[in-house]
């Protein structure tokens, strides 16, 4: 058995990788000197990469009209949590075309959860 495979089996996290097109709030741990605080990065998931312990996801948001992207490793000890705000309908694995869009053009159609019949 490979060393990397054995490490991946031992690593477990309760955080699931968000789907492409979801609007998320990613909470990370920031260390400043001796103080530690949590910071939230809100945006849309435009890409997922890797497998196993090397899985990452990229979140994009607009700040004062300028696009900001940040890539988070899913199994990082600095990642506190990922909260899904809403889900968008997408047909692609990478949403890099969102980089050219601004304003209302960045909106996606919302995907609603299927209702289960109670009968």
PDB file of N, CA and C in Angstrom:
ATOM      1  N   UNK A   1       0.846  -1.190   0.000  1.00  0.00           N
ATOM      2  CA  UNK A   1       0.000   0.000   0.000  1.00  0.00           C
ATOM      3  C   UNK A   1       0.886   1.246   0.000  1.00  0.00           C
ATOM      4  N   UNK A   2       0.471   2.203  -0.750  1.00  0.00           N
ATOM      5  CA  UNK A   2       1.199   3.461  -0.872  1.00  0.00           C
ATOM      6  C   UNK A   2       1.074   4.273   0.421  1.00  0.00           C
ATOM      7  N   UNK A   3       2.076   5.057   0.758  1.00  0.00           N
ATOM      8  CA  UNK A   3       2.061   5.881   1.964  1.00  0.00           C
ATOM      9  C   UNK A   3       0.952   6.928   1.881  1.00  0.00           C
ATOM     10  N   UNK A   4       0.777   7.504   0.717  1.00  0.00           N
ATOM     11  CA  UNK A   4      -0.259   8.527   0.540  1.00  0.00           C
ATOM     12  C   UNK A   4      -1.639   7.929   0.739  1.00  0.00           C
ATOM     13  N   UNK A   5      -1.857   6.708   0.227  1.00  0.00           N
ATOM     14  CA  UNK A   5      -3.154   6.057   0.398  1.00  0.00           C
ATOM     15  C   UNK A   5      -3.450   5.786   1.867  1.00  0.00           C
ATOM     16  N   UNK A   6      -2.439   5.375   2.630  1.00  0.00           N
ATOM     17  CA  UNK A   6      -2.660   5.103   4.046  1.00  0.00           C
ATOM     18  C   UNK A   6      -2.973   6.381   4.820  1.00  0.00           C
ATOM     19  N   UNK A   7      -2.334   7.493   4.441  1.00  0.00           N
ATOM     20  CA  UNK A   7      -2.647   8.771   5.091  1.00  0.00           C
ATOM     21  C   UNK A   7      -4.056   9.231   4.750  1.00  0.00           C
ATOM     22  N   UNK A   8      -4.479   9.011   3.512  1.00  0.00           N
ATOM     23  CA  UNK A   8      -5.818   9.433   3.112  1.00  0.00           C
ATOM     24  C   UNK A   8      -6.888   8.646   3.852  1.00  0.00           C
ATOM     25  N   UNK A   9      -6.630   7.393   4.167  1.00  0.00           N
ATOM     26  CA  UNK A   9      -7.611   6.591   4.904  1.00  0.00           C
ATOM     27  C   UNK A   9      -7.770   7.095   6.326  1.00  0.00           C
ATOM     28  N   UNK A  10      -6.667   7.561   6.939  1.00  0.00           N
ATOM     29  CA  UNK A  10      -6.730   8.039   8.315  1.00  0.00           C
ATOM     30  C   UNK A  10      -7.399   9.402   8.423  1.00  0.00           C
ATOM     31  N   UNK A  11      -7.296  10.206   7.394  1.00  0.00           N
ATOM     32  CA  UNK A  11      -7.846  11.555   7.434  1.00  0.00           C
ATOM     33  C   UNK A  11      -9.347  11.500   7.209  1.00  0.00           C
ATOM     34  N   UNK A  12     -10.080  12.096   8.107  1.00  0.00           N
ATOM     35  CA  UNK A  12     -11.527  12.181   7.927  1.00  0.00           C
ATOM     36  C   UNK A  12     -11.970  13.565   8.371  1.00  0.00           C
ATOM     37  N   UNK A  13     -12.937  14.091   7.672  1.00  0.00           N
ATOM     38  CA  UNK A  13     -13.468  15.407   8.003  1.00  0.00           C
ATOM     39  C   UNK A  13     -14.976  15.385   7.826  1.00  0.00           C
ATOM     40  N   UNK A  14     -15.645  16.244   8.545  1.00  0.00           N
ATOM     41  CA  UNK A  14     -17.101  16.332   8.431  1.00  0.00           C
ATOM     42  C   UNK A  14     -17.505  17.334   7.363  1.00  0.00           C
ATOM     43  N   UNK A  15     -16.536  17.989   6.755  1.00  0.00           N
ATOM     44  CA  UNK A  15     -16.812  18.987   5.727  1.00  0.00           C
ATOM     45  C   UNK A  15     -16.913  18.279   4.381  1.00  0.00           C
ATOM     46  N   UNK A  16     -18.011  18.507   3.673  1.00  0.00           N
ATOM     47  CA  UNK A  16     -18.163  17.932   2.339  1.00  0.00           C
ATOM     48  C   UNK A  16     -17.822  18.998   1.311  1.00  0.00           C
ATOM     49  N   UNK A  17     -17.286  18.552   0.194  1.00  0.00           N
ATOM     50  CA  UNK A  17     -16.895  19.477  -0.858  1.00  0.00           C
ATOM     51  C   UNK A  17     -18.156  20.041  -1.519  1.00  0.00           C
ATOM     52  N   UNK A  18     -18.282  21.367  -1.601  1.00  0.00           N
ATOM     53  CA  UNK A  18     -19.473  21.949  -2.214  1.00  0.00           C
ATOM     54  C   UNK A  18     -19.506  21.687  -3.718  1.00  0.00           C
ATOM     55  N   UNK A  19     -20.704  21.680  -4.264  1.00  0.00           N
ATOM     56  CA  UNK A  19     -20.892  21.435  -5.692  1.00  0.00           C
ATOM     57  C   UNK A  19     -20.619  22.707  -6.488  1.00  0.00           C
ATOM     58  N   UNK A  20     -20.358  22.521  -7.766  1.00  0.00           N
ATOM     59  CA  UNK A  20     -20.122  23.651  -8.662  1.00  0.00           C
ATOM     60  C   UNK A  20     -21.400  24.468  -8.780  1.00  0.00           C
ATOM     61  N   UNK A  21     -21.274  25.779  -8.715  1.00  0.00           N
ATOM     62  CA  UNK A  21     -22.414  26.663  -8.858  1.00  0.00           C
ATOM     63  C   UNK A  21     -23.101  27.013  -7.553  1.00  0.00           C
ATOM     64  N   UNK A  22     -22.648  26.460  -6.441  1.00  0.00           N
ATOM     65  CA  UNK A  22     -23.252  26.784  -5.155  1.00  0.00           C
ATOM     66  C   UNK A  22     -22.673  28.077  -4.608  1.00  0.00           C
ATOM     67  N   UNK A  23     -23.525  28.884  -4.016  1.00  0.00           N
ATOM     68  CA  UNK A  23     -23.076  30.068  -3.291  1.00  0.00           C
ATOM     69  C   UNK A  23     -22.769  29.618  -1.869  1.00  0.00           C
ATOM     70  N   UNK A  24     -21.549  29.850  -1.414  1.00  0.00           N
ATOM     71  CA  UNK A  24     -21.109  29.329  -0.121  1.00  0.00           C
ATOM     72  C   UNK A  24     -20.487  30.415   0.738  1.00  0.00           C
ATOM     73  N   UNK A  25     -20.490  30.172   2.048  1.00  0.00           N
ATOM     74  CA  UNK A  25     -19.741  30.958   3.023  1.00  0.00           C
ATOM     75  C   UNK A  25     -18.673  30.027   3.582  1.00  0.00           C
ATOM     76  N   UNK A  26     -17.409  30.315   3.281  1.00  0.00           N
ATOM     77  CA  UNK A  26     -16.301  29.481   3.744  1.00  0.00           C
ATOM     78  C   UNK A  26     -15.682  30.158   4.953  1.00  0.00           C
ATOM     79  N   UNK A  27     -15.691  29.458   6.081  1.00  0.00           N
ATOM     80  CA  UNK A  27     -15.147  30.008   7.319  1.00  0.00           C
ATOM     81  C   UNK A  27     -13.754  29.426   7.537  1.00  0.00           C
ATOM     82  N   UNK A  28     -12.754  30.321   7.619  1.00  0.00           N
ATOM     83  CA  UNK A  28     -11.372  29.888   7.817  1.00  0.00           C
ATOM     84  C   UNK A  28     -10.814  30.458   9.113  1.00  0.00           C
ATOM     85  N   UNK A  29      -9.794  29.793   9.616  1.00  0.00           N
ATOM     86  CA  UNK A  29      -9.127  30.211  10.840  1.00  0.00           C
ATOM     87  C   UNK A  29      -7.944  31.090  10.462  1.00  0.00           C
ATOM     88  N   UNK A  30      -7.881  32.304  11.008  1.00  0.00           N
ATOM     89  CA  UNK A  30      -6.796  33.249  10.746  1.00  0.00           C
ATOM     90  C   UNK A  30      -6.014  33.438  12.039  1.00  0.00           C
ATOM     91  N   UNK A  31      -4.693  33.292  11.959  1.00  0.00           N
ATOM     92  CA  UNK A  31      -3.841  33.475  13.124  1.00  0.00           C
ATOM     93  C   UNK A  31      -3.042  34.754  12.927  1.00  0.00           C
ATOM     94  N   UNK A  32      -3.208  35.701  13.854  1.00  0.00           N
ATOM     95  CA  UNK A  32      -2.479  36.967  13.816  1.00  0.00           C
ATOM     96  C   UNK A  32      -1.711  37.093  15.128  1.00  0.00           C
ATOM     97  N   UNK A  33      -0.437  36.805  15.059  1.00  0.00           N
ATOM     98  CA  UNK A  33       0.368  36.823  16.284  1.00  0.00           C
ATOM     99  C   UNK A  33      -0.074  35.687  17.183  1.00  0.00           C
ATOM    100  N   UNK A  34      -0.507  36.032  18.403  1.00  0.00           N
ATOM    101  CA  UNK A  34      -1.008  35.021  19.329  1.00  0.00           C
ATOM    102  C   UNK A  34      -2.523  34.904  19.265  1.00  0.00           C
ATOM    103  N   UNK A  35      -3.173  35.814  18.575  1.00  0.00           N
ATOM    104  CA  UNK A  35      -4.631  35.799  18.501  1.00  0.00           C
ATOM    105  C   UNK A  35      -5.100  34.940  17.325  1.00  0.00           C
ATOM    106  N   UNK A  36      -6.269  34.370  17.496  1.00  0.00           N
ATOM    107  CA  UNK A  36      -6.853  33.531  16.466  1.00  0.00           C
ATOM    108  C   UNK A  36      -8.304  33.963  16.266  1.00  0.00           C
ATOM    109  N   UNK A  37      -8.721  34.099  15.007  1.00  0.00           N
ATOM    110  CA  UNK A  37     -10.096  34.489  14.720  1.00  0.00           C
ATOM    111  C   UNK A  37     -10.572  33.750  13.481  1.00  0.00           C
ATOM    112  N   UNK A  38     -11.874  33.823  13.246  1.00  0.00           N
ATOM    113  CA  UNK A  38     -12.461  33.197  12.077  1.00  0.00           C
ATOM    114  C   UNK A  38     -12.862  34.271  11.071  1.00  0.00           C
ATOM    115  N   UNK A  39     -12.622  33.989   9.804  1.00  0.00           N
ATOM    116  CA  UNK A  39     -12.956  34.927   8.739  1.00  0.00           C
ATOM    117  C   UNK A  39     -13.814  34.206   7.708  1.00  0.00           C
ATOM    118  N   UNK A  40     -14.842  34.889   7.210  1.00  0.00           N
ATOM    119  CA  UNK A  40     -15.759  34.295   6.249  1.00  0.00           C
ATOM    120  C   UNK A  40     -15.465  34.840   4.857  1.00  0.00           C
ATOM    121  N   UNK A  41     -15.378  33.947   3.884  1.00  0.00           N
ATOM    122  CA  UNK A  41     -15.206  34.311   2.477  1.00  0.00           C
ATOM    123  C   UNK A  41     -16.444  33.810   1.748  1.00  0.00           C
ATOM    124  N   UNK A  42     -17.277  34.729   1.259  1.00  0.00           N
ATOM    125  CA  UNK A  42     -18.523  34.370   0.591  1.00  0.00           C
ATOM    126  C   UNK A  42     -18.363  34.490  -0.904  1.00  0.00           C
ATOM    127  N   UNK A  43     -18.888  33.523  -1.636  1.00  0.00           N
ATOM    128  CA  UNK A  43     -18.810  33.572  -3.087  1.00  0.00           C
ATOM    129  C   UNK A  43     -19.393  32.328  -3.721  1.00  0.00           C
ATOM    130  N   UNK A  44     -19.117  32.161  -5.020  1.00  0.00           N
ATOM    131  CA  UNK A  44     -19.637  31.036  -5.780  1.00  0.00           C
ATOM    132  C   UNK A  44     -18.512  30.056  -6.097  1.00  0.00           C
ATOM    133  N   UNK A  45     -18.802  28.775  -5.959  1.00  0.00           N
ATOM    134  CA  UNK A  45     -17.823  27.735  -6.278  1.00  0.00           C
ATOM    135  C   UNK A  45     -17.750  27.619  -7.794  1.00  0.00           C
ATOM    136  N   UNK A  46     -16.560  27.875  -8.368  1.00  0.00           N
ATOM    137  CA  UNK A  46     -16.419  27.808  -9.822  1.00  0.00           C
ATOM    138  C   UNK A  46     -15.593  26.622 -10.280  1.00  0.00           C
ATOM    139  N   UNK A  47     -14.878  25.940  -9.350  1.00  0.00           N
ATOM    140  CA  UNK A  47     -14.048  24.808  -9.764  1.00  0.00           C
ATOM    141  C   UNK A  47     -13.765  23.894  -8.585  1.00  0.00           C
ATOM    142  N   UNK A  48     -13.577  22.605  -8.900  1.00  0.00           N
ATOM    143  CA  UNK A  48     -13.097  21.615  -7.945  1.00  0.00           C
ATOM    144  C   UNK A  48     -11.959  20.866  -8.618  1.00  0.00           C
ATOM    145  N   UNK A  49     -10.927  20.538  -7.858  1.00  0.00           N
ATOM    146  CA  UNK A  49      -9.773  19.834  -8.419  1.00  0.00           C
ATOM    147  C   UNK A  49      -9.277  18.802  -7.427  1.00  0.00           C
ATOM    148  N   UNK A  50      -8.521  17.838  -7.934  1.00  0.00           N
ATOM    149  CA  UNK A  50      -7.847  16.876  -7.091  1.00  0.00           C
ATOM    150  C   UNK A  50      -8.748  15.751  -6.630  1.00  0.00           C
ATOM    151  N   UNK A  51      -8.135  14.836  -5.874  1.00  0.00           N
ATOM    152  CA  UNK A  51      -8.870  13.720  -5.308  1.00  0.00           C
ATOM    153  C   UNK A  51      -8.232  13.363  -3.980  1.00  0.00           C
ATOM    154  N   UNK A  52      -8.984  12.689  -3.148  1.00  0.00           N
ATOM    155  CA  UNK A  52      -8.461  12.280  -1.848  1.00  0.00           C
ATOM    156  C   UNK A  52      -8.134  13.478  -0.981  1.00  0.00           C
ATOM    157  N   UNK A  53      -6.965  13.441  -0.346  1.00  0.00           N
ATOM    158  CA  UNK A  53      -6.540  14.531   0.541  1.00  0.00           C
ATOM    159  C   UNK A  53      -6.138  15.783  -0.207  1.00  0.00           C
ATOM    160  N   UNK A  54      -5.934  15.680  -1.494  1.00  0.00           N
ATOM    161  CA  UNK A  54      -5.477  16.825  -2.286  1.00  0.00           C
ATOM    162  C   UNK A  54      -6.635  17.566  -2.946  1.00  0.00           C
ATOM    163  N   UNK A  55      -7.858  17.296  -2.537  1.00  0.00           N
ATOM    164  CA  UNK A  55      -9.029  17.930  -3.147  1.00  0.00           C
ATOM    165  C   UNK A  55      -9.106  19.398  -2.749  1.00  0.00           C
ATOM    166  N   UNK A  56      -9.316  20.269  -3.746  1.00  0.00           N
ATOM    167  CA  UNK A  56      -9.464  21.697  -3.506  1.00  0.00           C
ATOM    168  C   UNK A  56     -10.693  22.213  -4.236  1.00  0.00           C
ATOM    169  N   UNK A  57     -11.182  23.359  -3.801  1.00  0.00           N
ATOM    170  CA  UNK A  57     -12.271  24.023  -4.506  1.00  0.00           C
ATOM    171  C   UNK A  57     -11.988  25.516  -4.546  1.00  0.00           C
ATOM    172  N   UNK A  58     -12.396  26.149  -5.650  1.00  0.00           N
ATOM    173  CA  UNK A  58     -12.134  27.564  -5.872  1.00  0.00           C
ATOM    174  C   UNK A  58     -13.433  28.353  -5.733  1.00  0.00           C
ATOM    175  N   UNK A  59     -13.373  29.421  -4.954  1.00  0.00           N
ATOM    176  CA  UNK A  59     -14.531  30.283  -4.716  1.00  0.00           C
ATOM    177  C   UNK A  59     -14.231  31.657  -5.294  1.00  0.00           C
ATOM    178  N   UNK A  60     -15.200  32.226  -6.013  1.00  0.00           N
ATOM    179  CA  UNK A  60     -15.045  33.537  -6.643  1.00  0.00           C
ATOM    180  C   UNK A  60     -16.115  34.487  -6.121  1.00  0.00           C
ATOM    181  N   UNK A  61     -15.707  35.727  -5.888  1.00  0.00           N
ATOM    182  CA  UNK A  61     -16.663  36.764  -5.496  1.00  0.00           C
ATOM    183  C   UNK A  61     -16.203  38.100  -6.061  1.00  0.00           C
ATOM    184  N   UNK A  62     -17.111  39.054  -6.088  1.00  0.00           N
ATOM    185  CA  UNK A  62     -16.797  40.396  -6.564  1.00  0.00           C
ATOM    186  C   UNK A  62     -16.659  41.324  -5.361  1.00  0.00           C
ATOM    187  N   UNK A  63     -15.549  42.065  -5.312  1.00  0.00           N
ATOM    188  CA  UNK A  63     -15.310  43.037  -4.251  1.00  0.00           C
ATOM    189  C   UNK A  63     -15.066  44.373  -4.916  1.00  0.00           C
ATOM    190  N   UNK A  64     -15.977  45.308  -4.739  1.00  0.00           N
ATOM    191  CA  UNK A  64     -15.902  46.644  -5.317  1.00  0.00           C
ATOM    192  C   UNK A  64     -15.664  46.580  -6.823  1.00  0.00           C
ATOM    193  N   UNK A  65     -16.389  45.683  -7.489  1.00  0.00           N
ATOM    194  CA  UNK A  65     -16.310  45.565  -8.939  1.00  0.00           C
ATOM    195  C   UNK A  65     -15.126  44.754  -9.443  1.00  0.00           C
ATOM    196  N   UNK A  66     -14.276  44.276  -8.566  1.00  0.00           N
ATOM    197  CA  UNK A  66     -13.093  43.506  -8.934  1.00  0.00           C
ATOM    198  C   UNK A  66     -13.294  42.061  -8.504  1.00  0.00           C
ATOM    199  N   UNK A  67     -12.992  41.125  -9.393  1.00  0.00           N
ATOM    200  CA  UNK A  67     -13.148  39.709  -9.079  1.00  0.00           C
ATOM    201  C   UNK A  67     -12.013  39.190  -8.206  1.00  0.00           C
ATOM    202  N   UNK A  68     -12.375  38.436  -7.170  1.00  0.00           N
ATOM    203  CA  UNK A  68     -11.392  37.850  -6.263  1.00  0.00           C
ATOM    204  C   UNK A  68     -11.667  36.350  -6.192  1.00  0.00           C
ATOM    205  N   UNK A  69     -10.638  35.545  -6.455  1.00  0.00           N
ATOM    206  CA  UNK A  69     -10.772  34.098  -6.376  1.00  0.00           C
ATOM    207  C   UNK A  69      -9.832  33.572  -5.304  1.00  0.00           C
ATOM    208  N   UNK A  70     -10.306  32.560  -4.603  1.00  0.00           N
ATOM    209  CA  UNK A  70      -9.482  31.948  -3.573  1.00  0.00           C
ATOM    210  C   UNK A  70      -9.686  30.446  -3.623  1.00  0.00           C
ATOM    211  N   UNK A  71      -8.598  29.695  -3.572  1.00  0.00           N
ATOM    212  CA  UNK A  71      -8.653  28.244  -3.621  1.00  0.00           C
ATOM    213  C   UNK A  71      -8.411  27.691  -2.225  1.00  0.00           C
ATOM    214  N   UNK A  72      -9.329  26.835  -1.777  1.00  0.00           N
ATOM    215  CA  UNK A  72      -9.255  26.258  -0.438  1.00  0.00           C
ATOM    216  C   UNK A  72      -8.980  24.765  -0.527  1.00  0.00           C
ATOM    217  N   UNK A  73      -7.984  24.258   0.209  1.00  0.00           N
ATOM    218  CA  UNK A  73      -7.831  22.807   0.330  1.00  0.00           C
ATOM    219  C   UNK A  73      -8.927  22.275   1.258  1.00  0.00           C
ATOM    220  N   UNK A  74      -9.611  21.219   0.845  1.00  0.00           N
ATOM    221  CA  UNK A  74     -10.749  20.713   1.611  1.00  0.00           C
ATOM    222  C   UNK A  74     -10.322  20.149   2.959  1.00  0.00           C
ATOM    223  N   UNK A  75      -9.160  19.538   3.033  1.00  0.00           N
ATOM    224  CA  UNK A  75      -8.722  18.888   4.267  1.00  0.00           C
ATOM    225  C   UNK A  75      -7.720  19.729   5.047  1.00  0.00           C
ATOM    226  N   UNK A  76      -7.762  21.041   4.885  1.00  0.00           N
ATOM    227  CA  UNK A  76      -6.861  21.924   5.603  1.00  0.00           C
ATOM    228  C   UNK A  76      -7.311  22.068   7.059  1.00  0.00           C
ATOM    229  N   UNK A  77      -6.367  22.103   8.009  1.00  0.00           N
ATOM    230  CA  UNK A  77      -6.763  22.332   9.397  1.00  0.00           C
ATOM    231  C   UNK A  77      -7.253  23.760   9.636  1.00  0.00           C
ATOM    232  N   UNK A  78      -6.982  24.667   8.717  1.00  0.00           N
ATOM    233  CA  UNK A  78      -7.456  26.050   8.842  1.00  0.00           C
ATOM    234  C   UNK A  78      -8.882  26.234   8.355  1.00  0.00           C
ATOM    235  N   UNK A  79      -9.431  25.262   7.672  1.00  0.00           N
ATOM    236  CA  UNK A  79     -10.808  25.336   7.181  1.00  0.00           C
ATOM    237  C   UNK A  79     -11.748  24.915   8.301  1.00  0.00           C
ATOM    238  N   UNK A  80     -12.581  25.853   8.751  1.00  0.00           N
ATOM    239  CA  UNK A  80     -13.478  25.582   9.871  1.00  0.00           C
ATOM    240  C   UNK A  80     -14.792  24.989   9.377  1.00  0.00           C
ATOM    241  N   UNK A  81     -15.364  25.570   8.321  1.00  0.00           N
ATOM    242  CA  UNK A  81     -16.634  25.055   7.825  1.00  0.00           C
ATOM    243  C   UNK A  81     -17.029  25.692   6.511  1.00  0.00           C
ATOM    244  N   UNK A  82     -17.936  25.011   5.809  1.00  0.00           N
ATOM    245  CA  UNK A  82     -18.486  25.503   4.554  1.00  0.00           C
ATOM    246  C   UNK A  82     -19.996  25.463   4.669  1.00  0.00           C
ATOM    247  N   UNK A  83     -20.629  26.628   4.532  1.00  0.00           N
ATOM    248  CA  UNK A  83     -22.084  26.712   4.617  1.00  0.00           C
ATOM    249  C   UNK A  83     -22.627  27.045   3.236  1.00  0.00           C
ATOM    250  N   UNK A  84     -23.533  26.213   2.734  1.00  0.00           N
ATOM    251  CA  UNK A  84     -24.138  26.435   1.426  1.00  0.00           C
ATOM    252  C   UNK A  84     -25.301  27.408   1.593  1.00  0.00           C
ATOM    253  N   UNK A  85     -25.244  28.529   0.875  1.00  0.00           N
ATOM    254  CA  UNK A  85     -26.287  29.542   0.949  1.00  0.00           C
ATOM    255  C   UNK A  85     -27.390  29.222  -0.048  1.00  0.00           C
ATOM    256  N   UNK A  86     -27.008  28.954  -1.301  1.00  0.00           N
ATOM    257  CA  UNK A  86     -27.978  28.539  -2.314  1.00  0.00           C
ATOM    258  C   UNK A  86     -27.259  27.786  -3.420  1.00  0.00           C
ATOM    259  N   UNK A  87     -28.021  27.036  -4.195  1.00  0.00           N
ATOM    260  CA  UNK A  87     -27.460  26.227  -5.269  1.00  0.00           C
ATOM    261  C   UNK A  87     -27.948  26.731  -6.609  1.00  0.00           C
ATOM    262  N   UNK A  88     -27.049  26.737  -7.590  1.00  0.00           N
ATOM    263  CA  UNK A  88     -27.400  27.173  -8.935  1.00  0.00           C
ATOM    264  C   UNK A  88     -27.372  26.011  -9.902  1.00  0.00           C
ATOM    265  N   UNK A  89     -28.201  26.097 -10.943  1.00  0.00           N
ATOM    266  CA  UNK A  89     -28.208  25.076 -11.982  1.00  0.00           C
ATOM    267  C   UNK A  89     -27.046  25.326 -12.927  1.00  0.00           C
ATOM    268  N   UNK A  90     -26.197  24.319 -13.106  1.00  0.00           N
ATOM    269  CA  UNK A  90     -25.070  24.427 -14.022  1.00  0.00           C
ATOM    270  C   UNK A  90     -24.956  23.129 -14.816  1.00  0.00           C
ATOM    271  N   UNK A  91     -24.345  23.229 -15.995  1.00  0.00           N
ATOM    272  CA  UNK A  91     -24.146  22.060 -16.842  1.00  0.00           C
ATOM    273  C   UNK A  91     -22.673  21.832 -17.133  1.00  0.00           C
ATOM    274  N   UNK A  92     -21.807  22.508 -16.387  1.00  0.00           N
ATOM    275  CA  UNK A  92     -20.376  22.410 -16.647  1.00  0.00           C
ATOM    276  C   UNK A  92     -19.630  22.097 -15.356  1.00  0.00           C
ATOM    277  N   UNK A  93     -18.434  21.552 -15.509  1.00  0.00           N
ATOM    278  CA  UNK A  93     -17.615  21.211 -14.359  1.00  0.00           C
ATOM    279  C   UNK A  93     -16.793  22.402 -13.880  1.00  0.00           C
ATOM    280  N   UNK A  94     -16.493  23.335 -14.765  1.00  0.00           N
ATOM    281  CA  UNK A  94     -15.727  24.530 -14.415  1.00  0.00           C
ATOM    282  C   UNK A  94     -16.495  25.746 -14.923  1.00  0.00           C
ATOM    283  N   UNK A  95     -16.626  26.743 -14.080  1.00  0.00           N
ATOM    284  CA  UNK A  95     -17.366  27.952 -14.445  1.00  0.00           C
ATOM    285  C   UNK A  95     -16.411  29.121 -14.688  1.00  0.00           C
ATOM    286  N   UNK A  96     -15.368  28.875 -15.446  1.00  0.00           N
ATOM    287  CA  UNK A  96     -14.399  29.926 -15.712  1.00  0.00           C
ATOM    288  C   UNK A  96     -14.981  31.059 -16.561  1.00  0.00           C
ATOM    289  N   UNK A  97     -16.084  30.803 -17.258  1.00  0.00           N
ATOM    290  CA  UNK A  97     -16.704  31.861 -18.053  1.00  0.00           C
ATOM    291  C   UNK A  97     -17.296  32.956 -17.169  1.00  0.00           C
ATOM    292  N   UNK A  98     -17.443  32.710 -15.879  1.00  0.00           N
ATOM    293  CA  UNK A  98     -17.965  33.729 -14.964  1.00  0.00           C
ATOM    294  C   UNK A  98     -16.955  34.855 -14.749  1.00  0.00           C
ATOM    295  N   UNK A  99     -15.700  34.631 -15.104  1.00  0.00           N
ATOM    296  CA  UNK A  99     -14.671  35.655 -14.920  1.00  0.00           C
ATOM    297  C   UNK A  99     -14.924  36.868 -15.794  1.00  0.00           C
ATOM    298  N   UNK A 100     -15.532  36.677 -16.955  1.00  0.00           N
ATOM    299  CA  UNK A 100     -15.798  37.798 -17.866  1.00  0.00           C
ATOM    300  C   UNK A 100     -17.105  38.503 -17.542  1.00  0.00           C
ATOM    301  N   UNK A 101     -17.902  37.945 -16.665  1.00  0.00           N
ATOM    302  CA  UNK A 101     -19.225  38.514 -16.381  1.00  0.00           C
ATOM    303  C   UNK A 101     -19.209  39.374 -15.125  1.00  0.00           C
ATOM    304  N   UNK A 102     -20.043  40.412 -15.143  1.00  0.00           N
ATOM    305  CA  UNK A 102     -20.190  41.276 -13.980  1.00  0.00           C
ATOM    306  C   UNK A 102     -21.668  41.584 -13.783  1.00  0.00           C
ATOM    307  N   UNK A 103     -22.009  42.030 -12.606  1.00  0.00           N
ATOM    308  CA  UNK A 103     -23.367  42.457 -12.311  1.00  0.00           C
ATOM    309  C   UNK A 103     -24.383  41.330 -12.364  1.00  0.00           C
ATOM    310  N   UNK A 104     -25.530  41.608 -12.991  1.00  0.00           N
ATOM    311  CA  UNK A 104     -26.605  40.627 -13.042  1.00  0.00           C
ATOM    312  C   UNK A 104     -26.275  39.426 -13.908  1.00  0.00           C
ATOM    313  N   UNK A 105     -25.280  39.544 -14.766  1.00  0.00           N
ATOM    314  CA  UNK A 105     -24.899  38.434 -15.642  1.00  0.00           C
ATOM    315  C   UNK A 105     -24.246  37.291 -14.861  1.00  0.00           C
ATOM    316  N   UNK A 106     -23.849  37.544 -13.616  1.00  0.00           N
ATOM    317  CA  UNK A 106     -23.214  36.489 -12.823  1.00  0.00           C
ATOM    318  C   UNK A 106     -24.230  35.603 -12.104  1.00  0.00           C
ATOM    319  N   UNK A 107     -25.506  35.933 -12.218  1.00  0.00           N
ATOM    320  CA  UNK A 107     -26.526  35.135 -11.542  1.00  0.00           C
ATOM    321  C   UNK A 107     -26.784  33.838 -12.289  1.00  0.00           C
ATOM    322  N   UNK A 108     -27.065  32.788 -11.537  1.00  0.00           N
ATOM    323  CA  UNK A 108     -27.444  31.503 -12.101  1.00  0.00           C
ATOM    324  C   UNK A 108     -28.885  31.207 -11.711  1.00  0.00           C
ATOM    325  N   UNK A 109     -29.554  30.370 -12.510  1.00  0.00           N
ATOM    326  CA  UNK A 109     -30.881  29.918 -12.118  1.00  0.00           C
ATOM    327  C   UNK A 109     -30.738  29.072 -10.874  1.00  0.00           C
ATOM    328  N   UNK A 110     -31.659  29.267  -9.933  1.00  0.00           N
ATOM    329  CA  UNK A 110     -31.548  28.556  -8.671  1.00  0.00           C
ATOM    330  C   UNK A 110     -32.089  27.136  -8.791  1.00  0.00           C
ATOM    331  N   UNK A 111     -31.384  26.205  -8.142  1.00  0.00           N
ATOM    332  CA  UNK A 111     -31.793  24.808  -8.137  1.00  0.00           C
ATOM    333  C   UNK A 111     -32.460  24.528  -6.802  1.00  0.00           C
ATOM    334  N   UNK A 112     -33.699  24.080  -6.859  1.00  0.00           N
ATOM    335  CA  UNK A 112     -34.452  23.807  -5.650  1.00  0.00           C
ATOM    336  C   UNK A 112     -34.426  22.316  -5.363  1.00  0.00           C
ATOM    337  N   UNK A 113     -34.508  21.952  -4.075  1.00  0.00           N
ATOM    338  CA  UNK A 113     -34.505  20.540  -3.701  1.00  0.00           C
ATOM    339  C   UNK A 113     -35.814  19.887  -4.137  1.00  0.00           C
ATOM    340  N   UNK A 114     -35.723  18.641  -4.540  1.00  0.00           N
ATOM    341  CA  UNK A 114     -36.908  17.891  -4.958  1.00  0.00           C
ATOM    342  C   UNK A 114     -37.774  17.600  -3.743  1.00  0.00           C
ATOM    343  N   UNK A 115     -39.091  17.747  -3.913  1.00  0.00           N
ATOM    344  CA  UNK A 115     -40.024  17.414  -2.840  1.00  0.00           C
ATOM    345  C   UNK A 115     -40.294  15.928  -2.846  1.00  0.00           C
ATOM    346  N   UNK A 116     -40.332  15.330  -1.684  1.00  0.00           N
ATOM    347  CA  UNK A 116     -40.642  13.906  -1.585  1.00  0.00           C
ATOM    348  C   UNK A 116     -42.123  13.744  -1.304  1.00  0.00           C
ATOM    349  N   UNK A 117     -42.729  12.782  -1.972  1.00  0.00           N
ATOM    350  CA  UNK A 117     -44.161  12.512  -1.748  1.00  0.00           C
ATOM    351  C   UNK A 117     -44.342  11.821  -0.411  1.00  0.00           C
ATOM    352  N   UNK A 118     -45.358  12.242   0.329  1.00  0.00           N
ATOM    353  CA  UNK A 118     -45.615  11.677   1.646  1.00  0.00           C
ATOM    354  C   UNK A 118     -46.589  10.513   1.573  1.00  0.00           C
ATOM    355  N   UNK A 119     -46.950  10.054   0.379  1.00  0.00           N
ATOM    356  CA  UNK A 119     -47.916   8.954   0.265  1.00  0.00           C
ATOM    357  C   UNK A 119     -47.259   7.605   0.293  1.00  0.00           C
TER     358      UNK A 119
END
